[in-house]
Amino acid sequence: METDISIRVMTREDYPAVYKLWKTVPGMGLRSLDDTEQGITRFLARNPGACFVAEAAGEVAGAVLSGYDGRRGYIYHAAVREEYRRRGIGSALVQAVETALAGEGITKIALVAYKTNEAGNRFWEKAGFLPREDLVYRDKSINPENR
């Protein structure tokens, strides 16, 4: 039996269910400080209307964390519960992000996916996100507590 899926803006109250979902995805890349309730609440306040959850049968079936800096949009964490995959939920979440960011005047969206995440990379390529072989991704943690 097919369950109705609804996509809506993520709120602070969604954090426990969304974080629980993210923890089920191997290699999600969660950070010890950035992805705390306080960190995500700060992110949602800075990027209102850019993060979404998919609900099915009264529970979070998928979620995407995205934001923008005024020039580029970024997708940080995207996940769909395994039992809800291949139903178009991931695509609907990405479409919600694209629509929201376009409404803010953003014309390009970037994301980072681990090379070993084969399923994720197949999804992103199908969604139109192409790999950039001309870049070297670099980062630096300025707080050693943020693992």
Foldseek 3Di string as FASTA:
>chain_A
DDWDKDKDWDALVCLVQQVVQCVVDPPLPAKPPCSDSVNVNVQCVQAPQQKMFMDTPRGTQWIWRKHDDLEEIETRGTGGPPVPPPPCPSVVRVVSNVVSVVVSVYDYYDYDDDPPPVVVVVVCVVSPDDDDPPDDDDDDDPDVNTD
